[in-house]
Amino acid sequence: MAPRIVLPFLAALLVAGCGASEEPAGSGEVAQLVVRVDPDGSGSGRATETRLRCSSARESAVCAEAAGLEAADLAKADPDAACTDLFGGPETARIVGELHGRPVDARFARNNGCEIARWEKVAPLLKAAG
């Protein structure tokens, strides 16, 4: 009779464990980033820089924006992608730090349609530095 009781109990424990998620590596914060924007892209103008540290999305609007991003959102554009030949401006930017416990080091420009789309995806973070 004991196996009839033990097996359902073990099955319940196994199912309960399936929904658990692992904590991401790192600090456990939403974001700890340094955001630097160079308005003329050449380094000769005055670049602006801000440090963003968010423990939760509720801290500010920019923290909410950061919470909605994943490290993959900051990845480089696919080099084989067909991008429109548009120039969105000379600005460049760099975002370095941790996002959801994952390291990020991303550079941004506005020199074609794919890069402009990447810029727009993180624009709230870039505006925080401006």
Protein backbone atom coordinates (compact mmCIF):
# COMPACT_ATOMS: atom_id res chain seq x y z
CA MET A 1 0.00 0.00 0.00
CA ALA A 2 2.85 2.41 0.69
CA PRO A 3 3.90 2.59 -3.01
CA ARG A 4 0.38 3.80 -3.90
CA ILE A 5 0.81 6.79 -1.60
CA VAL A 6 4.45 7.52 -2.36
CA LEU A 7 4.18 7.51 -6.17
CA PRO A 8 1.43 10.19 -6.39
CA PHE A 9 3.32 12.29 -3.85
CA LEU A 10 6.55 12.08 -5.89
CA ALA A 11 4.66 12.86 -9.09
CA ALA A 12 3.13 15.95 -7.44
CA LEU A 13 6.58 17.14 -6.35
CA LEU A 14 7.95 16.64 -9.85
CA VAL A 15 5.10 18.58 -11.47
CA ALA A 16 5.43 21.42 -8.93
CA GLY A 17 9.10 21.75 -9.75
CA CYS A 18 8.44 22.07 -13.49
CA GLY A 19 7.02 25.58 -13.15
CA ALA A 20 9.96 26.94 -11.20
CA SER A 21 12.23 29.28 -13.06
CA GLU A 22 15.91 29.76 -12.51
CA GLU A 23 17.18 33.12 -11.33
CA PRO A 24 19.31 34.82 -13.98
CA ALA A 25 23.01 35.14 -13.30
CA GLY A 26 24.25 38.46 -12.00
CA SER A 27 22.90 41.02 -9.60
CA GLY A 28 19.18 40.20 -9.88
CA GLU A 29 18.41 43.80 -10.84
CA VAL A 30 16.41 44.75 -13.90
CA ALA A 31 19.25 46.88 -15.24
CA GLN A 32 22.61 48.23 -14.32
CA LEU A 33 23.77 50.09 -17.41
CA VAL A 34 26.01 52.87 -18.62
CA VAL A 35 24.38 54.60 -21.59
CA ARG A 36 26.57 56.91 -23.68
CA VAL A 37 25.31 58.95 -26.64
CA ASP A 38 27.58 60.89 -29.01
CA PRO A 39 25.37 63.38 -30.90
CA ASP A 40 27.76 63.94 -33.81
CA GLY A 41 29.13 60.40 -33.92
CA SER A 42 32.70 61.53 -34.42
CA GLY A 43 33.71 61.94 -30.82
CA SER A 44 34.56 65.59 -31.38
CA GLY A 45 31.28 66.81 -29.86
CA ARG A 46 30.26 66.47 -26.27
CA ALA A 47 28.95 62.98 -25.55
CA THR A 48 26.43 62.49 -22.78
CA GLU A 49 26.50 59.58 -20.38
CA THR A 50 24.16 58.32 -17.72
CA ARG A 51 24.20 55.42 -15.32
CA LEU A 52 20.93 53.56 -15.05
CA ARG A 53 20.31 51.30 -12.10
CA CYS A 54 16.87 49.73 -11.76
CA SER A 55 15.86 47.20 -9.14
CA SER A 56 12.31 47.06 -10.51
CA ALA A 57 10.30 48.29 -13.47
CA ARG A 58 8.21 50.48 -11.14
CA GLU A 59 11.09 52.82 -10.26
CA SER A 60 10.70 55.07 -13.32
CA ALA A 61 9.51 55.16 -16.91
CA VAL A 62 13.00 54.40 -18.18
CA CYS A 63 13.26 51.44 -15.77
CA ALA A 64 9.96 50.16 -17.16
CA GLU A 65 11.40 50.44 -20.68
CA ALA A 66 14.57 48.61 -19.61
CA ALA A 67 12.49 45.88 -17.99
CA GLY A 68 10.74 45.31 -21.31
CA LEU A 69 14.02 44.64 -23.11
CA GLU A 70 16.11 41.50 -23.25
CA ALA A 71 19.84 41.25 -23.94
CA ALA A 72 18.95 39.86 -27.40
CA ASP A 73 17.21 43.18 -28.21
CA LEU A 74 20.63 44.83 -28.06
CA ALA A 75 22.29 42.30 -30.39
CA LYS A 76 23.91 43.43 -33.61
CA ALA A 77 21.80 43.48 -36.74
CA ASP A 78 22.07 40.39 -38.93
CA PRO A 79 24.90 41.12 -41.39
CA ASP A 80 23.00 39.21 -44.10
CA ALA A 81 19.78 41.19 -43.64
CA ALA A 82 18.59 43.41 -46.46
CA CYS A 83 18.55 46.89 -44.93
CA THR A 84 17.15 50.04 -46.48
CA ASP A 85 19.77 52.56 -47.53
CA LEU A 86 18.64 55.32 -45.20
CA PHE A 87 20.71 57.69 -43.10
CA GLY A 88 19.02 58.53 -39.82
CA GLY A 89 21.70 60.90 -38.51
CA PRO A 90 25.28 60.91 -37.29
CA GLU A 91 24.51 59.91 -33.69
CA THR A 92 26.22 56.90 -32.15
CA ALA A 93 25.61 55.25 -28.81
CA ARG A 94 26.88 52.50 -26.58
CA ILE A 95 25.11 50.58 -23.82
CA VAL A 96 27.26 48.56 -21.42
CA GLY A 97 26.39 46.68 -18.24
CA GLU A 98 23.82 44.11 -17.21
CA LEU A 99 20.22 43.67 -18.31
CA HIS A 100 18.21 41.07 -16.35
CA GLY A 101 21.51 39.72 -15.04
CA ARG A 102 22.95 39.20 -18.53
CA PRO A 103 26.02 41.13 -19.68
CA VAL A 104 25.48 43.57 -22.56
CA ASP A 105 27.88 45.65 -24.63
CA ALA A 106 26.09 47.12 -27.62
CA ARG A 107 26.96 49.88 -30.07
CA PHE A 108 24.36 51.77 -32.05
CA ALA A 109 24.36 54.04 -35.10
CA ARG A 110 21.73 55.29 -37.50
CA ASN A 111 23.45 54.56 -40.80
CA ASN A 112 20.85 52.24 -42.40
CA GLY A 113 17.30 51.01 -41.88
CA CYS A 114 18.32 48.01 -39.74
CA GLU A 115 20.46 50.16 -37.45
CA ILE A 116 17.74 52.80 -37.20
CA ALA A 117 15.29 50.07 -36.11
CA ARG A 118 17.76 48.90 -33.41
CA TRP A 119 18.16 52.52 -32.26
CA GLU A 120 14.41 53.01 -32.02
CA LYS A 121 14.02 49.84 -29.96
CA VAL A 122 16.28 51.27 -27.23
CA ALA A 123 15.45 54.97 -27.80
CA PRO A 124 14.01 55.50 -24.28
CA LEU A 125 17.32 54.40 -22.78
CA LEU A 126 19.26 56.60 -25.18
CA LYS A 127 17.06 59.61 -24.42
CA ALA A 128 17.81 59.12 -20.72
CA ALA A 129 21.47 59.85 -21.54
CA GLY A 130 20.59 62.89 -23.61
